[in-house]
């Protein structure tokens, strides 16, 4: 909804779309990585919500987009 011509293809792209960044560490413990990703996910959700609200797209997202996820997932499984 926010940039349909160039949708994010991974978590890192989603973070970049709202100016968030993962810490770059050469060696990182899996639990530390998970903790960081969960923290970033919360921030990402908040920023995406704010962007959708500011563009008056939140209702469209909730009423249409979220309902299509199940259908698309089922189609991909078949």
N, C-alpha and C. Protein backbone atom coordinates (compact mmCIF):
# COMPACT_ATOMS: atom_id res chain seq x y z
N UNK A 1 0.81 -1.20 0.00
CA UNK A 1 0.00 0.00 0.00
C UNK A 1 0.85 1.26 0.00
N UNK A 2 1.98 1.20 0.69
CA UNK A 2 2.79 2.41 0.81
C UNK A 2 3.64 2.66 -0.43
N UNK A 3 4.13 1.60 -1.05
CA UNK A 3 4.96 1.74 -2.25
C UNK A 3 4.75 0.50 -3.13
N UNK A 4 3.58 0.39 -3.77
CA UNK A 4 3.25 -0.83 -4.51
C UNK A 4 4.19 -1.16 -5.66
N UNK A 5 4.87 -0.18 -6.21
CA UNK A 5 5.80 -0.46 -7.30
C UNK A 5 7.09 -1.11 -6.81
N UNK A 6 7.45 -0.86 -5.56
CA UNK A 6 8.68 -1.41 -4.99
C UNK A 6 8.42 -1.93 -3.57
N UNK A 7 7.63 -3.00 -3.44
CA UNK A 7 7.34 -3.50 -2.09
C UNK A 7 8.58 -4.15 -1.47
N UNK A 8 8.70 -4.11 -0.16
CA UNK A 8 9.85 -4.75 0.49
C UNK A 8 9.79 -6.26 0.29
N UNK A 9 10.94 -6.86 0.04
CA UNK A 9 10.96 -8.31 -0.21
C UNK A 9 11.48 -9.09 0.99
N UNK A 10 11.97 -8.39 2.01
CA UNK A 10 12.48 -9.07 3.20
C UNK A 10 12.39 -8.12 4.39
N UNK A 11 12.72 -8.65 5.55
CA UNK A 11 12.64 -7.87 6.79
C UNK A 11 13.55 -6.64 6.72
N UNK A 12 14.75 -6.82 6.20
CA UNK A 12 15.70 -5.70 6.10
C UNK A 12 15.15 -4.59 5.20
N UNK A 13 14.52 -4.96 4.09
CA UNK A 13 13.91 -3.96 3.20
C UNK A 13 12.79 -3.20 3.92
N UNK A 14 12.01 -3.93 4.71
CA UNK A 14 10.94 -3.29 5.47
C UNK A 14 11.51 -2.29 6.47
N UNK A 15 12.59 -2.68 7.13
CA UNK A 15 13.23 -1.77 8.08
C UNK A 15 13.75 -0.53 7.37
N UNK A 16 14.39 -0.74 6.23
CA UNK A 16 14.93 0.40 5.48
C UNK A 16 13.84 1.35 5.02
N UNK A 17 12.65 0.82 4.75
CA UNK A 17 11.56 1.67 4.26
C UNK A 17 11.08 2.68 5.30
N UNK A 18 11.38 2.41 6.57
CA UNK A 18 10.98 3.33 7.65
C UNK A 18 12.20 3.84 8.41
N UNK A 19 13.35 3.78 7.77
CA UNK A 19 14.61 4.30 8.33
C UNK A 19 15.03 3.64 9.64
N UNK A 20 14.84 2.33 9.72
CA UNK A 20 15.37 1.55 10.83
C UNK A 20 16.49 0.67 10.28
N UNK A 21 17.39 0.28 11.16
CA UNK A 21 18.54 -0.49 10.69
C UNK A 21 18.93 -1.55 11.72
N UNK A 22 19.26 -2.74 11.23
CA UNK A 22 19.78 -3.78 12.10
C UNK A 22 21.23 -3.47 12.43
N UNK A 23 21.62 -3.82 13.64
CA UNK A 23 23.02 -3.65 14.02
C UNK A 23 23.86 -4.65 13.23
N UNK A 24 24.97 -4.20 12.73
CA UNK A 24 25.86 -5.08 11.98
C UNK A 24 26.95 -5.58 12.91
N UNK A 25 26.87 -6.85 13.24
CA UNK A 25 27.90 -7.47 14.08
C UNK A 25 28.45 -8.66 13.33
N UNK A 26 29.75 -8.84 13.40
CA UNK A 26 30.36 -9.98 12.73
C UNK A 26 29.96 -11.28 13.41
N UNK A 27 30.05 -11.31 14.71
CA UNK A 27 29.67 -12.50 15.46
C UNK A 27 28.55 -12.10 16.41
N UNK A 28 27.42 -12.77 16.26
CA UNK A 28 26.29 -12.43 17.11
C UNK A 28 25.62 -13.72 17.57
N UNK A 29 25.26 -13.76 18.81
CA UNK A 29 24.57 -14.90 19.40
C UNK A 29 23.15 -14.95 18.82
N UNK A 30 22.65 -16.15 18.56
CA UNK A 30 21.30 -16.28 17.98
C UNK A 30 20.23 -15.65 18.86
N UNK A 31 20.37 -15.80 20.17
CA UNK A 31 19.36 -15.21 21.06
C UNK A 31 19.43 -13.68 21.03
N UNK A 32 20.63 -13.12 20.88
CA UNK A 32 20.77 -11.67 20.76
C UNK A 32 20.15 -11.18 19.46
N UNK A 33 20.36 -11.93 18.39
CA UNK A 33 19.79 -11.57 17.09
C UNK A 33 18.27 -11.60 17.16
N UNK A 34 17.73 -12.64 17.77
CA UNK A 34 16.28 -12.75 17.92
C UNK A 34 15.72 -11.60 18.75
N UNK A 35 16.40 -11.29 19.84
CA UNK A 35 15.96 -10.19 20.71
C UNK A 35 15.96 -8.87 19.94
N UNK A 36 17.01 -8.63 19.16
CA UNK A 36 17.09 -7.40 18.37
C UNK A 36 15.99 -7.35 17.32
N UNK A 37 15.77 -8.48 16.62
CA UNK A 37 14.74 -8.51 15.58
C UNK A 37 13.35 -8.27 16.15
N UNK A 38 13.07 -8.85 17.31
CA UNK A 38 11.76 -8.64 17.94
C UNK A 38 11.58 -7.18 18.34
N UNK A 39 12.64 -6.59 18.86
CA UNK A 39 12.59 -5.17 19.22
C UNK A 39 12.35 -4.31 17.98
N UNK A 40 13.06 -4.63 16.91
CA UNK A 40 12.89 -3.88 15.66
C UNK A 40 11.51 -4.10 15.06
N UNK A 41 10.97 -5.31 15.20
CA UNK A 41 9.64 -5.60 14.67
C UNK A 41 8.59 -4.70 15.31
N UNK A 42 8.70 -4.50 16.62
CA UNK A 42 7.76 -3.60 17.30
C UNK A 42 7.86 -2.18 16.78
N UNK A 43 9.09 -1.70 16.60
CA UNK A 43 9.29 -0.35 16.07
C UNK A 43 8.79 -0.25 14.64
N UNK A 44 9.04 -1.29 13.85
CA UNK A 44 8.59 -1.33 12.45
C UNK A 44 7.07 -1.26 12.39
N UNK A 45 6.40 -2.07 13.20
CA UNK A 45 4.94 -2.08 13.21
C UNK A 45 4.39 -0.70 13.56
N UNK A 46 4.98 -0.05 14.53
CA UNK A 46 4.53 1.27 14.95
C UNK A 46 4.69 2.29 13.82
N UNK A 47 5.84 2.28 13.18
CA UNK A 47 6.09 3.25 12.10
C UNK A 47 5.20 2.98 10.88
N UNK A 48 4.98 1.71 10.56
CA UNK A 48 4.10 1.40 9.43
C UNK A 48 2.66 1.81 9.75
N UNK A 49 2.23 1.58 10.98
CA UNK A 49 0.90 2.02 11.39
C UNK A 49 0.77 3.54 11.23
N UNK A 50 1.77 4.27 11.69
CA UNK A 50 1.73 5.73 11.58
C UNK A 50 1.68 6.18 10.13
N UNK A 51 2.46 5.53 9.26
CA UNK A 51 2.46 5.90 7.84
C UNK A 51 1.10 5.61 7.21
N UNK A 52 0.55 4.45 7.51
CA UNK A 52 -0.76 4.11 6.95
C UNK A 52 -1.83 5.07 7.45
N UNK A 53 -1.80 5.40 8.72
CA UNK A 53 -2.76 6.35 9.29
C UNK A 53 -2.63 7.72 8.62
N UNK A 54 -1.41 8.19 8.46
CA UNK A 54 -1.21 9.53 7.90
C UNK A 54 -1.67 9.62 6.45
N UNK A 55 -1.68 8.50 5.76
CA UNK A 55 -2.13 8.49 4.36
C UNK A 55 -3.57 7.98 4.23
N UNK A 56 -4.22 7.84 5.37
CA UNK A 56 -5.61 7.36 5.43
C UNK A 56 -5.77 6.01 4.74
N UNK A 57 -4.81 5.12 4.97
CA UNK A 57 -4.84 3.78 4.38
C UNK A 57 -5.04 2.68 5.43
N UNK A 58 -5.13 3.05 6.69
CA UNK A 58 -5.22 2.04 7.74
C UNK A 58 -6.48 1.19 7.60
N UNK A 59 -7.63 1.81 7.35
CA UNK A 59 -8.87 1.05 7.21
C UNK A 59 -8.81 0.11 6.01
N UNK A 60 -8.24 0.57 4.92
CA UNK A 60 -8.08 -0.29 3.75
C UNK A 60 -7.19 -1.49 4.09
N UNK A 61 -6.11 -1.23 4.80
CA UNK A 61 -5.21 -2.31 5.20
C UNK A 61 -5.94 -3.33 6.06
N UNK A 62 -6.68 -2.85 7.06
CA UNK A 62 -7.38 -3.76 7.98
C UNK A 62 -8.53 -4.51 7.32
N UNK A 63 -9.29 -3.81 6.50
CA UNK A 63 -10.50 -4.40 5.92
C UNK A 63 -10.25 -5.24 4.67
N UNK A 64 -9.20 -4.95 3.95
CA UNK A 64 -8.95 -5.66 2.69
C UNK A 64 -7.66 -6.46 2.72
N UNK A 65 -6.56 -5.77 2.95
CA UNK A 65 -5.24 -6.41 2.85
C UNK A 65 -5.09 -7.59 3.81
N UNK A 66 -5.45 -7.39 5.08
CA UNK A 66 -5.25 -8.47 6.05
C UNK A 66 -6.12 -9.68 5.74
N UNK A 67 -7.28 -9.47 5.16
CA UNK A 67 -8.16 -10.59 4.81
C UNK A 67 -7.64 -11.35 3.59
N UNK A 68 -6.88 -10.70 2.75
CA UNK A 68 -6.34 -11.37 1.57
C UNK A 68 -5.15 -12.26 1.90
N UNK A 69 -4.51 -12.04 3.02
CA UNK A 69 -3.31 -12.81 3.37
C UNK A 69 -3.63 -14.30 3.44
N UNK A 70 -4.71 -14.68 4.10
CA UNK A 70 -5.09 -16.09 4.20
C UNK A 70 -5.35 -16.69 2.82
N UNK A 71 -6.08 -15.98 2.00
CA UNK A 71 -6.38 -16.46 0.65
C UNK A 71 -5.11 -16.65 -0.17
N UNK A 72 -4.22 -15.70 -0.12
CA UNK A 72 -2.97 -15.79 -0.88
C UNK A 72 -2.12 -16.94 -0.35
N UNK A 73 -2.07 -17.12 0.97
CA UNK A 73 -1.30 -18.22 1.55
C UNK A 73 -1.86 -19.56 1.10
N UNK A 74 -3.18 -19.69 1.08
CA UNK A 74 -3.80 -20.94 0.61
C UNK A 74 -3.49 -21.19 -0.86
N UNK A 75 -3.53 -20.15 -1.66
CA UNK A 75 -3.24 -20.30 -3.09
C UNK A 75 -1.79 -20.74 -3.30
N UNK A 76 -0.87 -20.23 -2.50
CA UNK A 76 0.54 -20.59 -2.64
C UNK A 76 0.79 -22.03 -2.22
N UNK A 77 -0.01 -22.55 -1.30
CA UNK A 77 0.17 -23.92 -0.82
C UNK A 77 -0.31 -24.96 -1.83
N UNK A 78 -1.13 -24.56 -2.77
CA UNK A 78 -1.69 -25.53 -3.72
C UNK A 78 -0.92 -25.62 -4.98
